[in-house]
N, C-alpha and C. Protein backbone atom coordinates (compact mmCIF):
# COMPACT_ATOMS: atom_id res chain seq x y z
N UNK A 1 5.66 31.75 -223.46
CA UNK A 1 5.16 32.85 -222.52
C UNK A 1 6.28 33.19 -221.43
N UNK A 2 6.16 34.45 -221.25
CA UNK A 2 7.21 35.02 -220.17
C UNK A 2 6.18 35.61 -219.04
N UNK A 3 6.72 35.45 -217.89
CA UNK A 3 6.10 36.07 -216.94
C UNK A 3 7.11 37.08 -216.18
N UNK A 4 6.92 38.21 -215.77
CA UNK A 4 7.98 39.12 -215.14
C UNK A 4 7.32 39.52 -213.82
N UNK A 5 7.87 39.16 -212.64
CA UNK A 5 7.25 39.59 -211.40
C UNK A 5 8.28 40.41 -210.75
N UNK A 6 7.81 41.42 -210.25
CA UNK A 6 8.71 42.28 -209.37
C UNK A 6 8.02 42.13 -207.89
N UNK A 7 9.12 41.68 -206.92
CA UNK A 7 8.62 41.65 -205.79
C UNK A 7 9.53 42.59 -204.77
N UNK A 8 8.79 43.53 -203.98
CA UNK A 8 9.31 44.55 -203.26
C UNK A 8 9.24 43.86 -201.54
N UNK A 9 10.49 43.54 -201.12
CA UNK A 9 10.51 43.28 -199.71
C UNK A 9 11.95 43.40 -199.24
N UNK A 10 11.96 43.36 -197.97
CA UNK A 10 13.40 43.63 -197.49
C UNK A 10 14.11 42.30 -197.38
N UNK A 11 15.45 42.48 -197.26
CA UNK A 11 16.25 40.98 -196.98
C UNK A 11 15.81 40.15 -196.08
N UNK A 12 15.29 40.67 -194.70
CA UNK A 12 14.68 39.91 -193.79
C UNK A 12 13.55 39.04 -194.40
N UNK A 13 12.88 39.99 -194.81
CA UNK A 13 11.42 39.25 -195.52
C UNK A 13 11.66 38.13 -196.52
N UNK A 14 12.79 38.30 -197.37
CA UNK A 14 13.05 37.41 -198.19
C UNK A 14 13.97 36.31 -197.62
N UNK A 15 14.61 36.28 -196.70
CA UNK A 15 15.48 35.26 -196.00
C UNK A 15 14.08 34.38 -195.23
N UNK A 16 13.16 34.97 -194.70
CA UNK A 16 11.96 34.32 -194.13
C UNK A 16 11.21 33.51 -195.19
N UNK A 17 10.84 34.23 -196.18
CA UNK A 17 10.03 33.57 -197.49
C UNK A 17 10.88 32.34 -197.83
N UNK A 18 12.27 32.37 -198.10
CA UNK A 18 13.08 31.34 -198.48
C UNK A 18 13.27 30.10 -197.70
N UNK A 19 13.44 30.60 -196.31
CA UNK A 19 13.27 29.60 -195.17
C UNK A 19 14.82 29.60 -194.59
N UNK A 20 15.66 30.70 -194.68
CA UNK A 20 17.02 30.79 -194.22
C UNK A 20 16.62 31.36 -192.79
N UNK A 21 17.84 30.92 -191.93
CA UNK A 21 17.82 31.14 -190.65
C UNK A 21 18.12 32.43 -190.31
N UNK A 22 17.55 33.17 -189.16
CA UNK A 22 17.51 34.32 -188.62
C UNK A 22 19.08 34.69 -187.96
N UNK A 23 19.99 35.16 -188.44
CA UNK A 23 21.40 35.52 -188.03
C UNK A 23 21.60 36.66 -187.30
N UNK A 24 20.51 37.42 -187.17
CA UNK A 24 20.68 38.79 -186.31
C UNK A 24 21.32 38.54 -184.87
N UNK A 25 20.63 37.49 -184.11
CA UNK A 25 21.18 37.36 -182.79
C UNK A 25 22.57 37.16 -182.71
N UNK A 26 22.97 36.10 -183.48
CA UNK A 26 24.37 35.47 -183.47
C UNK A 26 25.37 36.73 -183.91
N UNK A 27 24.83 37.59 -184.77
CA UNK A 27 25.66 38.69 -185.26
C UNK A 27 25.78 39.75 -184.02
N UNK A 28 24.70 39.97 -183.50
CA UNK A 28 24.73 40.82 -182.31
C UNK A 28 25.85 40.28 -181.37
N UNK A 29 25.73 39.04 -180.91
CA UNK A 29 26.54 38.49 -180.02
C UNK A 29 28.12 38.49 -180.28
N UNK A 30 28.29 38.33 -181.51
CA UNK A 30 29.66 38.45 -181.97
C UNK A 30 30.15 39.80 -181.94
N UNK A 31 29.51 40.92 -182.21
CA UNK A 31 29.86 42.17 -182.57
C UNK A 31 30.07 42.70 -180.95
N UNK A 32 29.15 42.17 -179.93
CA UNK A 32 29.48 42.37 -178.43
C UNK A 32 30.79 42.03 -178.20
N UNK A 33 31.01 40.81 -178.44
CA UNK A 33 32.38 39.88 -177.94
C UNK A 33 33.59 40.64 -178.65
N UNK A 34 33.50 41.12 -179.84
CA UNK A 34 34.43 41.83 -180.48
C UNK A 34 34.68 42.91 -179.92
N UNK A 35 33.59 43.77 -179.48
CA UNK A 35 33.96 45.03 -178.98
C UNK A 35 34.52 45.01 -177.88
N UNK A 36 34.39 43.88 -176.86
CA UNK A 36 34.85 43.87 -175.63
C UNK A 36 36.34 43.35 -175.62
N UNK A 37 36.75 42.36 -176.75
CA UNK A 37 38.17 42.25 -176.92
C UNK A 37 38.81 43.35 -177.33
N UNK A 38 38.35 44.19 -178.17
CA UNK A 38 38.92 45.44 -178.56
C UNK A 38 39.31 46.48 -177.62
N UNK A 39 38.28 46.65 -176.71
CA UNK A 39 38.33 47.46 -175.37
C UNK A 39 39.22 47.02 -174.51
N UNK A 40 39.42 45.76 -174.22
CA UNK A 40 40.61 45.07 -173.62
C UNK A 40 41.95 45.33 -174.06
N UNK A 41 42.23 45.31 -175.17
CA UNK A 41 43.21 45.31 -175.88
C UNK A 41 43.83 46.88 -175.85
N UNK A 42 42.84 47.84 -175.96
CA UNK A 42 43.17 49.38 -176.00
C UNK A 42 43.59 49.60 -174.60
N UNK A 43 43.23 48.84 -173.69
CA UNK A 43 43.62 49.34 -172.10
C UNK A 43 45.07 49.00 -172.16
N UNK A 44 45.60 47.92 -172.99
CA UNK A 44 47.36 47.68 -172.86
C UNK A 44 47.95 48.88 -173.61
N UNK A 45 47.35 49.46 -174.59
CA UNK A 45 48.11 50.58 -175.31
C UNK A 45 48.52 52.06 -174.56
N UNK A 46 48.23 52.28 -173.45
CA UNK A 46 48.54 53.11 -172.55
C UNK A 46 50.23 53.38 -172.52
N UNK A 47 50.88 54.41 -172.60
CA UNK A 47 52.29 54.51 -172.49
C UNK A 47 52.88 53.86 -171.58
N UNK A 48 52.54 54.08 -170.29
CA UNK A 48 52.85 53.13 -169.20
C UNK A 48 53.13 51.85 -169.26
N UNK A 49 52.09 51.15 -169.77
CA UNK A 49 52.21 49.72 -169.90
C UNK A 49 53.10 49.31 -170.88
N UNK A 50 53.06 50.01 -172.26
CA UNK A 50 53.67 49.83 -173.40
C UNK A 50 55.43 49.87 -172.93
N UNK A 51 55.69 50.82 -172.27
CA UNK A 51 57.08 50.84 -171.71
C UNK A 51 57.46 49.79 -170.88
N UNK A 52 56.75 49.25 -170.03
CA UNK A 52 57.01 48.23 -169.11
C UNK A 52 57.12 46.83 -169.91
N UNK A 53 56.31 46.85 -170.87
CA UNK A 53 56.31 45.67 -171.66
C UNK A 53 57.58 45.65 -172.72
N UNK A 54 58.01 46.67 -173.15
CA UNK A 54 58.97 46.85 -174.00
C UNK A 54 60.30 47.04 -173.44
N UNK A 55 60.49 47.79 -172.35
CA UNK A 55 61.79 47.78 -171.77
C UNK A 55 62.38 47.00 -170.75
N UNK A 56 61.45 46.23 -169.98
CA UNK A 56 62.07 45.31 -169.02
C UNK A 56 62.68 44.31 -169.63
N UNK A 57 62.18 43.54 -170.71
CA UNK A 57 63.13 42.41 -171.50
C UNK A 57 64.40 43.17 -172.04
N UNK A 58 64.13 44.06 -172.66
CA UNK A 58 65.52 44.89 -173.24
C UNK A 58 66.54 45.13 -172.54
N UNK A 59 66.05 45.39 -171.39
CA UNK A 59 67.32 45.94 -170.34
C UNK A 59 67.72 44.83 -169.71
N UNK A 60 66.96 43.90 -169.38
CA UNK A 60 67.48 42.39 -169.04
C UNK A 60 68.31 41.99 -170.31
N UNK A 61 67.93 42.16 -171.44
CA UNK A 61 68.99 41.62 -172.49
C UNK A 61 70.20 42.20 -172.73
N UNK A 62 70.30 43.57 -172.33
CA UNK A 62 71.60 44.18 -172.55
C UNK A 62 72.52 43.54 -171.12
N UNK A 63 71.78 43.75 -170.11
CA UNK A 63 72.72 42.93 -169.06
C UNK A 63 73.38 41.63 -169.35
N UNK A 64 72.40 40.53 -169.90
CA UNK A 64 72.96 39.29 -170.34
C UNK A 64 73.89 39.49 -171.18
N UNK A 65 73.83 40.37 -172.23
CA UNK A 65 74.75 40.50 -173.36
C UNK A 65 76.16 41.07 -172.97
N UNK A 66 76.07 41.64 -171.90
CA UNK A 66 77.49 42.13 -171.16
C UNK A 66 77.92 41.18 -170.60
N UNK A 67 77.29 40.47 -169.61
CA UNK A 67 77.75 39.41 -169.07
C UNK A 67 78.31 38.38 -170.13
N UNK A 68 77.95 37.98 -171.11
CA UNK A 68 78.36 36.87 -172.35
C UNK A 68 79.43 37.65 -172.80
N UNK A 69 79.67 38.73 -173.12
CA UNK A 69 80.48 39.42 -173.78
C UNK A 69 81.76 39.45 -173.05
N UNK A 70 81.60 39.63 -171.44
CA UNK A 70 82.78 39.66 -170.77
C UNK A 70 83.33 38.13 -170.38
N UNK A 71 82.35 37.16 -170.51
CA UNK A 71 82.90 35.89 -170.39
C UNK A 71 83.39 35.15 -171.55
N UNK A 72 83.12 35.89 -172.78
CA UNK A 72 83.88 35.44 -173.86
C UNK A 72 85.34 35.84 -173.84
N UNK A 73 85.41 37.20 -173.30
CA UNK A 73 86.66 37.79 -173.19
C UNK A 73 87.71 37.05 -172.14
N UNK A 74 87.02 36.01 -171.48
CA UNK A 74 87.59 35.48 -170.50
C UNK A 74 88.00 36.14 -169.20
N UNK A 75 87.32 37.30 -168.96
CA UNK A 75 87.19 38.12 -167.76
C UNK A 75 86.34 37.57 -166.66
N UNK A 76 85.29 36.85 -167.01
CA UNK A 76 84.48 36.42 -165.99
C UNK A 76 83.99 35.01 -166.45
N UNK A 77 83.33 34.21 -165.65
CA UNK A 77 82.60 33.05 -166.10
C UNK A 77 81.19 33.40 -166.54
N UNK A 78 80.28 32.55 -167.24
CA UNK A 78 79.17 32.94 -167.70
C UNK A 78 78.20 33.00 -166.26
N UNK A 79 77.43 34.29 -166.33
CA UNK A 79 76.59 34.42 -165.23
C UNK A 79 77.17 35.34 -164.18
N UNK A 80 78.44 35.36 -163.89
CA UNK A 80 79.14 36.21 -162.99
C UNK A 80 79.23 37.70 -163.29
N UNK A 81 78.88 38.46 -162.50
CA UNK A 81 79.10 39.89 -162.99
C UNK A 81 80.82 40.34 -163.01
N UNK A 82 80.84 41.19 -163.57
CA UNK A 82 82.41 41.71 -164.05
C UNK A 82 82.88 42.00 -162.75
N UNK A 83 84.08 41.45 -162.35
CA UNK A 83 84.75 41.91 -161.12
C UNK A 83 84.78 40.84 -160.13
N UNK A 84 83.75 39.82 -160.27
CA UNK A 84 83.65 38.68 -159.33
C UNK A 84 84.87 37.57 -159.62
N UNK A 85 85.20 37.66 -161.04
CA UNK A 85 86.25 36.44 -161.32
C UNK A 85 87.13 37.32 -162.40
N UNK A 86 88.25 36.95 -162.56
CA UNK A 86 89.08 37.20 -163.66
C UNK A 86 90.12 38.23 -163.17
N UNK A 87 90.02 38.92 -162.07
CA UNK A 87 91.06 39.88 -161.47
C UNK A 87 92.20 38.92 -161.29
N UNK A 88 93.12 39.60 -161.10
CA UNK A 88 94.46 38.86 -160.89
C UNK A 88 94.64 38.26 -159.65
N UNK A 89 95.03 37.21 -159.49
CA UNK A 89 95.11 36.51 -158.04
C UNK A 89 95.93 37.33 -157.15
N UNK A 90 95.50 37.38 -155.91
CA UNK A 90 96.44 38.25 -155.06
C UNK A 90 97.29 37.23 -154.48
N UNK A 91 98.41 37.71 -154.20
CA UNK A 91 99.82 37.08 -153.71
C UNK A 91 99.37 37.06 -152.13
N UNK A 92 99.51 35.79 -151.67
CA UNK A 92 99.48 35.40 -150.17
C UNK A 92 100.56 36.08 -149.61
N UNK A 93 100.31 36.58 -148.35
CA UNK A 93 101.37 37.16 -147.43
C UNK A 93 102.27 36.15 -146.85
N UNK A 94 103.81 36.43 -146.97
CA UNK A 94 104.65 35.29 -146.54
C UNK A 94 105.36 36.05 -145.22
């Protein structure tokens, strides 16, 4: 003997009938948190902030690279700016 039963119900009603927990409040809280995080991240995407973030380290990096280059060429010591050291010693007046 076979029985066929068709039940019309919403997913929420089926979860309640089976005894599964209601996860809607948790999903809503998580969605609000994700929305807040996304909005905070979008604020950092304005052109001025992006340029400050990207350019400051790279400009400093070029300066450091130039100092390292001059130091390796024997013109200055590491950390000194060009022209501080490496110039020909001046003769003392006699």
